[in-house]
Amino acid sequence: MTHETTAPVQSLVDDALIELENLVDDLGEQAAPAQPASQVATRREH
């Protein structure tokens, strides 16, 4: 996947993932402050 057309899309996907991760972190802190952040990190690996 090194086509030039995929680069902008991949960038948008990365940005979206970061935004989602931030939202999940914020919601996670409000809902369950004791939940380790590592669970969020491991979910993103897949």
PDB file of N, CA and C in Angstrom:
ATOM      1  N   MET A   1       0.838  -1.200   0.000  1.00  0.00           N
ATOM      2  CA  MET A   1       0.000   0.000   0.000  1.00  0.00           C
ATOM      3  C   MET A   1       0.875   1.253   0.000  1.00  0.00           C
ATOM      4  N   THR A   2       1.630   1.397  -1.060  1.00  0.00           N
ATOM      5  CA  THR A   2       2.496   2.569  -1.151  1.00  0.00           C
ATOM      6  C   THR A   2       2.050   3.483  -2.274  1.00  0.00           C
ATOM      7  N   HIS A   3       0.809   3.290  -2.775  1.00  0.00           N
ATOM      8  CA  HIS A   3       0.294   4.150  -3.824  1.00  0.00           C
ATOM      9  C   HIS A   3       0.112   5.564  -3.279  1.00  0.00           C
ATOM     10  N   GLU A   4       0.319   6.549  -4.143  1.00  0.00           N
ATOM     11  CA  GLU A   4       0.217   7.939  -3.704  1.00  0.00           C
ATOM     12  C   GLU A   4      -1.198   8.279  -3.245  1.00  0.00           C
ATOM     13  N   THR A   5      -2.184   7.616  -3.815  1.00  0.00           N
ATOM     14  CA  THR A   5      -3.569   7.952  -3.482  1.00  0.00           C
ATOM     15  C   THR A   5      -3.929   7.512  -2.072  1.00  0.00           C
ATOM     16  N   THR A   6      -3.209   6.534  -1.518  1.00  0.00           N
ATOM     17  CA  THR A   6      -3.553   6.044  -0.185  1.00  0.00           C
ATOM     18  C   THR A   6      -2.953   6.910   0.915  1.00  0.00           C
ATOM     19  N   ALA A   7      -1.938   7.695   0.585  1.00  0.00           N
ATOM     20  CA  ALA A   7      -1.256   8.490   1.610  1.00  0.00           C
ATOM     21  C   ALA A   7      -2.205   9.479   2.299  1.00  0.00           C
ATOM     22  N   PRO A   8      -2.934  10.309   1.547  1.00  0.00           N
ATOM     23  CA  PRO A   8      -3.852  11.252   2.209  1.00  0.00           C
ATOM     24  C   PRO A   8      -4.923  10.532   3.014  1.00  0.00           C
ATOM     25  N   VAL A   9      -5.429   9.433   2.483  1.00  0.00           N
ATOM     26  CA  VAL A   9      -6.457   8.673   3.196  1.00  0.00           C
ATOM     27  C   VAL A   9      -5.890   8.121   4.491  1.00  0.00           C
ATOM     28  N   GLN A  10      -4.679   7.569   4.435  1.00  0.00           N
ATOM     29  CA  GLN A  10      -4.052   7.019   5.634  1.00  0.00           C
ATOM     30  C   GLN A  10      -3.860   8.113   6.675  1.00  0.00           C
ATOM     31  N   SER A  11      -3.506   9.308   6.217  1.00  0.00           N
ATOM     32  CA  SER A  11      -3.332  10.424   7.143  1.00  0.00           C
ATOM     33  C   SER A  11      -4.656  10.767   7.816  1.00  0.00           C
ATOM     34  N   LEU A  12      -5.732  10.780   7.034  1.00  0.00           N
ATOM     35  CA  LEU A  12      -7.049  11.067   7.606  1.00  0.00           C
ATOM     36  C   LEU A  12      -7.446   9.994   8.599  1.00  0.00           C
ATOM     37  N   VAL A  13      -7.168   8.739   8.261  1.00  0.00           N
ATOM     38  CA  VAL A  13      -7.497   7.636   9.162  1.00  0.00           C
ATOM     39  C   VAL A  13      -6.702   7.770  10.454  1.00  0.00           C
ATOM     40  N   ASP A  14      -5.412   8.085  10.334  1.00  0.00           N
ATOM     41  CA  ASP A  14      -4.578   8.244  11.529  1.00  0.00           C
ATOM     42  C   ASP A  14      -5.124   9.364  12.408  1.00  0.00           C
ATOM     43  N   ASP A  15      -5.472  10.492  11.788  1.00  0.00           N
ATOM     44  CA  ASP A  15      -6.022  11.614  12.551  1.00  0.00           C
ATOM     45  C   ASP A  15      -7.320  11.209  13.245  1.00  0.00           C
ATOM     46  N   ALA A  16      -8.161  10.481  12.521  1.00  0.00           N
ATOM     47  CA  ALA A  16      -9.435  10.049  13.092  1.00  0.00           C
ATOM     48  C   ALA A  16      -9.203   9.101  14.260  1.00  0.00           C
ATOM     49  N   LEU A  17      -8.233   8.195  14.112  1.00  0.00           N
ATOM     50  CA  LEU A  17      -7.930   7.260  15.194  1.00  0.00           C
ATOM     51  C   LEU A  17      -7.448   8.014  16.425  1.00  0.00           C
ATOM     52  N   ILE A  18      -6.633   9.043  16.216  1.00  0.00           N
ATOM     53  CA  ILE A  18      -6.126   9.834  17.343  1.00  0.00           C
ATOM     54  C   ILE A  18      -7.285  10.536  18.039  1.00  0.00           C
ATOM     55  N   GLU A  19      -8.181  11.123  17.250  1.00  0.00           N
ATOM     56  CA  GLU A  19      -9.339  11.804  17.827  1.00  0.00           C
ATOM     57  C   GLU A  19     -10.206  10.823  18.612  1.00  0.00           C
ATOM     58  N   LEU A  20     -10.442   9.641  18.027  1.00  0.00           N
ATOM     59  CA  LEU A  20     -11.239   8.623  18.719  1.00  0.00           C
ATOM     60  C   LEU A  20     -10.550   8.202  20.003  1.00  0.00           C
ATOM     61  N   GLU A  21      -9.225   8.044  19.929  1.00  0.00           N
ATOM     62  CA  GLU A  21      -8.474   7.622  21.114  1.00  0.00           C
ATOM     63  C   GLU A  21      -8.616   8.660  22.223  1.00  0.00           C
ATOM     64  N   ASN A  22      -8.534   9.939  21.854  1.00  0.00           N
ATOM     65  CA  ASN A  22      -8.689  11.002  22.846  1.00  0.00           C
ATOM     66  C   ASN A  22     -10.085  10.973  23.459  1.00  0.00           C
ATOM     67  N   LEU A  23     -11.097  10.763  22.618  1.00  0.00           N
ATOM     68  CA  LEU A  23     -12.467  10.689  23.129  1.00  0.00           C
ATOM     69  C   LEU A  23     -12.624   9.513  24.072  1.00  0.00           C
ATOM     70  N   VAL A  24     -12.080   8.372  23.686  1.00  0.00           N
ATOM     71  CA  VAL A  24     -12.170   7.176  24.536  1.00  0.00           C
ATOM     72  C   VAL A  24     -11.464   7.425  25.862  1.00  0.00           C
ATOM     73  N   ASP A  25     -10.308   8.092  25.794  1.00  0.00           N
ATOM     74  CA  ASP A  25      -9.578   8.396  27.027  1.00  0.00           C
ATOM     75  C   ASP A  25     -10.421   9.297  27.929  1.00  0.00           C
ATOM     76  N   ASP A  26     -11.012  10.338  27.345  1.00  0.00           N
ATOM     77  CA  ASP A  26     -11.833  11.262  28.134  1.00  0.00           C
ATOM     78  C   ASP A  26     -13.030  10.540  28.739  1.00  0.00           C
ATOM     79  N   LEU A  27     -13.731   9.755  27.921  1.00  0.00           N
ATOM     80  CA  LEU A  27     -14.901   9.026  28.417  1.00  0.00           C
ATOM     81  C   LEU A  27     -14.484   8.000  29.457  1.00  0.00           C
ATOM     82  N   GLY A  28     -13.359   7.347  29.228  1.00  0.00           N
ATOM     83  CA  GLY A  28     -12.883   6.334  30.161  1.00  0.00           C
ATOM     84  C   GLY A  28     -12.560   6.936  31.519  1.00  0.00           C
ATOM     85  N   GLU A  29     -11.956   8.133  31.515  1.00  0.00           N
ATOM     86  CA  GLU A  29     -11.616   8.779  32.783  1.00  0.00           C
ATOM     87  C   GLU A  29     -12.880   9.155  33.549  1.00  0.00           C
ATOM     88  N   GLN A  30     -13.919   9.569  32.825  1.00  0.00           N
ATOM     89  CA  GLN A  30     -15.169   9.960  33.485  1.00  0.00           C
ATOM     90  C   GLN A  30     -15.929   8.741  33.997  1.00  0.00           C
ATOM     91  N   ALA A  31     -15.984   7.677  33.171  1.00  0.00           N
ATOM     92  CA  ALA A  31     -16.796   6.507  33.512  1.00  0.00           C
ATOM     93  C   ALA A  31     -16.079   5.601  34.509  1.00  0.00           C
ATOM     94  N   ALA A  32     -14.790   5.342  34.260  1.00  0.00           N
ATOM     95  CA  ALA A  32     -14.039   4.427  35.129  1.00  0.00           C
ATOM     96  C   ALA A  32     -12.619   4.952  35.319  1.00  0.00           C
ATOM     97  N   PRO A  33     -12.413   5.842  36.296  1.00  0.00           N
ATOM     98  CA  PRO A  33     -11.096   6.454  36.508  1.00  0.00           C
ATOM     99  C   PRO A  33     -10.009   5.432  36.811  1.00  0.00           C
ATOM    100  N   ALA A  34     -10.379   4.268  37.360  1.00  0.00           N
ATOM    101  CA  ALA A  34      -9.378   3.294  37.781  1.00  0.00           C
ATOM    102  C   ALA A  34      -8.950   2.381  36.636  1.00  0.00           C
ATOM    103  N   GLN A  35      -9.604   2.507  35.478  1.00  0.00           N
ATOM    104  CA  GLN A  35      -9.280   1.627  34.355  1.00  0.00           C
ATOM    105  C   GLN A  35      -7.916   1.994  33.778  1.00  0.00           C
ATOM    106  N   PRO A  36      -7.031   1.019  33.619  1.00  0.00           N
ATOM    107  CA  PRO A  36      -5.698   1.288  33.070  1.00  0.00           C
ATOM    108  C   PRO A  36      -5.775   1.700  31.608  1.00  0.00           C
ATOM    109  N   ALA A  37      -4.948   2.650  31.215  1.00  0.00           N
ATOM    110  CA  ALA A  37      -4.954   3.141  29.838  1.00  0.00           C
ATOM    111  C   ALA A  37      -4.373   2.115  28.877  1.00  0.00           C
ATOM    112  N   SER A  38      -3.684   1.109  29.397  1.00  0.00           N
ATOM    113  CA  SER A  38      -3.056   0.105  28.532  1.00  0.00           C
ATOM    114  C   SER A  38      -4.103  -0.658  27.732  1.00  0.00           C
ATOM    115  N   GLN A  39      -5.307  -0.796  28.268  1.00  0.00           N
ATOM    116  CA  GLN A  39      -6.360  -1.511  27.543  1.00  0.00           C
ATOM    117  C   GLN A  39      -6.719  -0.771  26.258  1.00  0.00           C
ATOM    118  N   VAL A  40      -6.736   0.548  26.325  1.00  0.00           N
ATOM    119  CA  VAL A  40      -7.037   1.338  25.135  1.00  0.00           C
ATOM    120  C   VAL A  40      -5.912   1.184  24.120  1.00  0.00           C
ATOM    121  N   ALA A  41      -4.687   1.163  24.586  1.00  0.00           N
ATOM    122  CA  ALA A  41      -3.539   1.047  23.692  1.00  0.00           C
ATOM    123  C   ALA A  41      -3.528  -0.305  22.991  1.00  0.00           C
ATOM    124  N   THR A  42      -3.818  -1.364  23.728  1.00  0.00           N
ATOM    125  CA  THR A  42      -3.793  -2.696  23.125  1.00  0.00           C
ATOM    126  C   THR A  42      -4.918  -2.842  22.104  1.00  0.00           C
ATOM    127  N   ARG A  43      -6.060  -2.197  22.341  1.00  0.00           N
ATOM    128  CA  ARG A  43      -7.157  -2.285  21.380  1.00  0.00           C
ATOM    129  C   ARG A  43      -6.775  -1.626  20.062  1.00  0.00           C
ATOM    130  N   ARG A  44      -5.965  -0.601  20.110  1.00  0.00           N
ATOM    131  CA  ARG A  44      -5.617   0.125  18.890  1.00  0.00           C
ATOM    132  C   ARG A  44      -4.633  -0.677  18.040  1.00  0.00           C
ATOM    133  N   GLU A  45      -3.837  -1.557  18.674  1.00  0.00           N
ATOM    134  CA  GLU A  45      -2.849  -2.347  17.937  1.00  0.00           C
ATOM    135  C   GLU A  45      -3.520  -3.197  16.862  1.00  0.00           C
ATOM    136  N   HIS A  46      -4.729  -3.675  17.118  1.00  0.00           N
ATOM    137  CA  HIS A  46      -5.424  -4.544  16.157  1.00  0.00           C
ATOM    138  C   HIS A  46      -6.195  -3.679  15.200  1.00  0.00           C
TER     139      HIS A  46
END
